[in-house]
Every structure is written in structure tokens, then in C-alpha cells.
C-alpha atoms as a PDB file:
ATOM      1  CA  UNK A   1      40.750  32.094  34.212  1.00  0.00           C
ATOM      2  CA  UNK A   2      38.143  29.971  35.191  1.00  0.00           C
ATOM      3  CA  UNK A   3      36.457  29.683  31.873  1.00  0.00           C
ATOM      4  CA  UNK A   4      39.776  29.221  30.022  1.00  0.00           C
ATOM      5  CA  UNK A   5      40.356  26.227  32.325  1.00  0.00           C
ATOM      6  CA  UNK A   6      36.571  24.867  31.981  1.00  0.00           C
ATOM      7  CA  UNK A   7      37.582  24.733  27.902  1.00  0.00           C
ATOM      8  CA  UNK A   8      41.053  23.190  28.333  1.00  0.00           C
ATOM      9  CA  UNK A   9      39.567  20.380  30.733  1.00  0.00           C
ATOM     10  CA  UNK A  10      36.759  19.814  27.950  1.00  0.00           C
ATOM     11  CA  UNK A  11      39.562  19.320  25.343  1.00  0.00           C
ATOM     12  CA  UNK A  12      41.617  16.812  27.634  1.00  0.00           C
ATOM     13  CA  UNK A  13      38.574  15.270  28.145  1.00  0.00           C
ATOM     14  CA  UNK A  14      37.492  14.913  24.488  1.00  0.00           C
ATOM     15  CA  UNK A  15      40.886  14.903  22.662  1.00  0.00           C
ATOM     16  CA  UNK A  16      43.213  13.690  25.487  1.00  0.00           C
ATOM     17  CA  UNK A  17      46.989  15.177  25.481  1.00  0.00           C
ATOM     18  CA  UNK A  18      46.997  15.186  21.529  1.00  0.00           C
ATOM     19  CA  UNK A  19      44.791  18.517  21.486  1.00  0.00           C
ATOM     20  CA  UNK A  20      42.522  19.345  18.834  1.00  0.00           C
ATOM     21  CA  UNK A  21      42.818  18.922  15.286  1.00  0.00           C
ATOM     22  CA  UNK A  22      41.951  21.971  13.192  1.00  0.00           C
ATOM     23  CA  UNK A  23      42.950  23.995  10.208  1.00  0.00           C
ATOM     24  CA  UNK A  24      44.967  27.192  10.879  1.00  0.00           C
ATOM     25  CA  UNK A  25      41.854  29.640   9.887  1.00  0.00           C
ATOM     26  CA  UNK A  26      39.446  27.320  12.381  1.00  0.00           C
ATOM     27  CA  UNK A  27      42.540  27.687  15.130  1.00  0.00           C
ATOM     28  CA  UNK A  28      42.731  30.991  14.848  1.00  0.00           C
ATOM     29  CA  UNK A  29      38.666  31.126  15.434  1.00  0.00           C
ATOM     30  CA  UNK A  30      38.821  29.022  17.931  1.00  0.00           C
ATOM     31  CA  UNK A  31      41.273  30.861  20.019  1.00  0.00           C
ATOM     32  CA  UNK A  32      39.125  33.858  19.244  1.00  0.00           C
ATOM     33  CA  UNK A  33      36.134  31.859  20.622  1.00  0.00           C
ATOM     34  CA  UNK A  34      37.990  31.002  23.744  1.00  0.00           C
ATOM     35  CA  UNK A  35      38.603  34.444  24.230  1.00  0.00           C
ATOM     36  CA  UNK A  36      35.340  35.773  23.960  1.00  0.00           C
ATOM     37  CA  UNK A  37      33.921  32.738  26.132  1.00  0.00           C
ATOM     38  CA  UNK A  38      36.251  33.755  28.767  1.00  0.00           C
ATOM     39  CA  UNK A  39      35.295  37.027  28.677  1.00  0.00           C
ATOM     40  CA  UNK A  40      31.760  35.596  29.050  1.00  0.00           C
ATOM     41  CA  UNK A  41      30.366  37.280  25.756  1.00  0.00           C
ATOM     42  CA  UNK A  42      27.977  34.688  25.306  1.00  0.00           C
ATOM     43  CA  UNK A  43      26.476  35.807  22.088  1.00  0.00           C
ATOM     44  CA  UNK A  44      29.845  36.082  20.157  1.00  0.00           C
ATOM     45  CA  UNK A  45      30.778  32.839  21.865  1.00  0.00           C
ATOM     46  CA  UNK A  46      27.854  30.930  19.939  1.00  0.00           C
ATOM     47  CA  UNK A  47      28.361  32.855  16.591  1.00  0.00           C
ATOM     48  CA  UNK A  48      32.292  32.207  16.869  1.00  0.00           C
ATOM     49  CA  UNK A  49      31.166  28.703  17.424  1.00  0.00           C
ATOM     50  CA  UNK A  50      29.338  28.108  14.074  1.00  0.00           C
ATOM     51  CA  UNK A  51      32.275  30.197  12.090  1.00  0.00           C
ATOM     52  CA  UNK A  52      34.762  27.752  13.549  1.00  0.00           C
ATOM     53  CA  UNK A  53      33.094  24.569  12.628  1.00  0.00           C
ATOM     54  CA  UNK A  54      32.325  26.154   9.016  1.00  0.00           C
ATOM     55  CA  UNK A  55      35.939  27.128   8.476  1.00  0.00           C
ATOM     56  CA  UNK A  56      37.046  23.431   9.392  1.00  0.00           C
ATOM     57  CA  UNK A  57      34.208  22.252   7.254  1.00  0.00           C
ATOM     58  CA  UNK A  58      35.362  24.146   4.028  1.00  0.00           C
ATOM     59  CA  UNK A  59      38.989  22.996   4.760  1.00  0.00           C
ATOM     60  CA  UNK A  60      38.056  19.509   4.906  1.00  0.00           C
ATOM     61  CA  UNK A  61      35.362  19.332   2.295  1.00  0.00           C
ATOM     62  CA  UNK A  62      35.958  16.219   0.591  1.00  0.00           C
ATOM     63  CA  UNK A  63      38.528  14.699   2.634  1.00  0.00           C
ATOM     64  CA  UNK A  64      36.418  12.287   4.093  1.00  0.00           C
ATOM     65  CA  UNK A  65      36.463  13.732   7.473  1.00  0.00           C
ATOM     66  CA  UNK A  66      33.759  10.978   8.874  1.00  0.00           C
ATOM     67  CA  UNK A  67      33.293  13.150  12.400  1.00  0.00           C
ATOM     68  CA  UNK A  68      32.854  16.388  10.753  1.00  0.00           C
ATOM     69  CA  UNK A  69      30.076  14.967   8.549  1.00  0.00           C
ATOM     70  CA  UNK A  70      28.412  13.481  11.252  1.00  0.00           C
ATOM     71  CA  UNK A  71      28.489  16.859  13.305  1.00  0.00           C
ATOM     72  CA  UNK A  72      27.505  18.614  10.011  1.00  0.00           C
ATOM     73  CA  UNK A  73      24.098  16.541   9.676  1.00  0.00           C
ATOM     74  CA  UNK A  74      23.607  16.164  13.555  1.00  0.00           C
ATOM     75  CA  UNK A  75      21.122  17.504  15.791  1.00  0.00           C
ATOM     76  CA  UNK A  76      23.438  19.781  17.877  1.00  0.00           C
ATOM     77  CA  UNK A  77      24.943  21.256  14.511  1.00  0.00           C
ATOM     78  CA  UNK A  78      21.280  22.187  13.511  1.00  0.00           C
ATOM     79  CA  UNK A  79      20.444  23.825  16.741  1.00  0.00           C
ATOM     80  CA  UNK A  80      23.740  25.845  16.521  1.00  0.00           C
ATOM     81  CA  UNK A  81      23.068  26.891  12.915  1.00  0.00           C
ATOM     82  CA  UNK A  82      19.590  28.118  13.875  1.00  0.00           C
ATOM     83  CA  UNK A  83      20.852  29.824  17.101  1.00  0.00           C
ATOM     84  CA  UNK A  84      23.266  31.786  15.506  1.00  0.00           C
ATOM     85  CA  UNK A  85      20.953  32.544  12.433  1.00  0.00           C
ATOM     86  CA  UNK A  86      18.737  33.770  14.721  1.00  0.00           C
ATOM     87  CA  UNK A  87      21.406  35.912  16.653  1.00  0.00           C
ATOM     88  CA  UNK A  88      22.576  37.553  13.365  1.00  0.00           C
ATOM     89  CA  UNK A  89      19.714  37.847  11.025  1.00  0.00           C
ATOM     90  CA  UNK A  90      16.462  38.914  13.481  1.00  0.00           C
ATOM     91  CA  UNK A  91      14.075  37.250  10.900  1.00  0.00           C
ATOM     92  CA  UNK A  92      11.488  36.403  13.742  1.00  0.00           C
ATOM     93  CA  UNK A  93       8.511  38.478  14.277  1.00  0.00           C
ATOM     94  CA  UNK A  94      10.233  40.284  17.099  1.00  0.00           C
ATOM     95  CA  UNK A  95      14.322  40.569  18.153  1.00  0.00           C
ATOM     96  CA  UNK A  96      16.240  37.587  19.020  1.00  0.00           C
ATOM     97  CA  UNK A  97      18.219  39.229  21.687  1.00  0.00           C
ATOM     98  CA  UNK A  98      17.884  42.652  23.237  1.00  0.00           C
ATOM     99  CA  UNK A  99      20.082  44.494  25.682  1.00  0.00           C
ATOM    100  CA  UNK A 100      17.507  43.947  28.471  1.00  0.00           C
ATOM    101  CA  UNK A 101      17.493  40.152  27.231  1.00  0.00           C
ATOM    102  CA  UNK A 102      21.015  39.833  27.546  1.00  0.00           C
ATOM    103  CA  UNK A 103      21.224  40.695  31.305  1.00  0.00           C
ATOM    104  CA  UNK A 104      18.045  38.947  32.158  1.00  0.00           C
ATOM    105  CA  UNK A 105      18.736  35.880  30.135  1.00  0.00           C
ATOM    106  CA  UNK A 106      22.497  35.462  30.982  1.00  0.00           C
ATOM    107  CA  UNK A 107      22.374  31.857  32.814  1.00  0.00           C
ATOM    108  CA  UNK A 108      20.258  30.859  29.459  1.00  0.00           C
ATOM    109  CA  UNK A 109      22.772  32.226  27.021  1.00  0.00           C
ATOM    110  CA  UNK A 110      25.759  30.675  29.040  1.00  0.00           C
ATOM    111  CA  UNK A 111      24.479  27.381  28.557  1.00  0.00           C
ATOM    112  CA  UNK A 112      24.052  28.013  24.815  1.00  0.00           C
ATOM    113  CA  UNK A 113      27.531  29.329  24.709  1.00  0.00           C
ATOM    114  CA  UNK A 114      28.700  26.262  26.788  1.00  0.00           C
ATOM    115  CA  UNK A 115      27.024  23.820  24.439  1.00  0.00           C
ATOM    116  CA  UNK A 116      28.223  25.559  21.225  1.00  0.00           C
ATOM    117  CA  UNK A 117      31.709  25.197  22.932  1.00  0.00           C
ATOM    118  CA  UNK A 118      31.353  21.663  23.425  1.00  0.00           C
ATOM    119  CA  UNK A 119      29.953  21.048  20.055  1.00  0.00           C
ATOM    120  CA  UNK A 120      33.006  22.448  18.548  1.00  0.00           C
ATOM    121  CA  UNK A 121      35.531  20.440  20.832  1.00  0.00           C
ATOM    122  CA  UNK A 122      34.081  17.171  20.148  1.00  0.00           C
ATOM    123  CA  UNK A 123      33.981  18.004  16.187  1.00  0.00           C
ATOM    124  CA  UNK A 124      37.532  18.782  16.271  1.00  0.00           C
ATOM    125  CA  UNK A 125      38.685  16.159  18.856  1.00  0.00           C
ATOM    126  CA  UNK A 126      37.332  13.455  16.687  1.00  0.00           C
END
């Protein structure tokens, strides 16, 4: 419940009472992202955050959504894309994550998840 409240507070801070503007696909993925964030599933949160933005980019492509365009070409989105790709594709010299690493690095993984959630909220609030 504490993590869900954190997300709600960030939404209010970023979007006010108007909430977030997302298409139905991105909205469903956002709800799933909040669920996994609330469950402390940090890796899944990062992966789903990227999926939310991609779904929204696809829906709004060509519609002149300046905020999303700024996000798509921004440093934070580049970080999110690289982080998601490293988790899913394991294309480095070693695994990007291990079972032991999930435990050992949980504080860092939580920070990554919070950063990813904030990126999504800022993009959908604008």
C-alpha cells in the first residue's frame, strides 16, 4: 500500500487532479506497472515502464505530442531503454542480473524502478 501511495502522490505532484493522459493500451500497462512496483518487483517495473512509454509513443506518433517527443529523445529515456535492454537481452559479457544480484542489489534496483516510474508519470502528465 505504501508504494501505491508513493505512485499516487507522484501523479498528483506531476499532473494535479487531472491525472495522467494515456491511451487504453498504455493505461493498462501503467496499471500493471503499478501492481508490480507495489509488489517490489523492480525488474518487471523497469521493463513495463519502457512498455508503457512505447505504447503511448505508438498511439500518439505523428500527433504532435511535444512532451512525449522530448521524453523519447531525452537522456532519461535513453537510460530506460538501455536498462530494459540489458535486463531482457543479456548481451554483455556477463548476465545483467542474477538471482543473487536481485537480492544483493535490491536497493539499487528499487532506485532504478522509482526512476522509471517517475519518467513514465512525467511523460503522461505532460
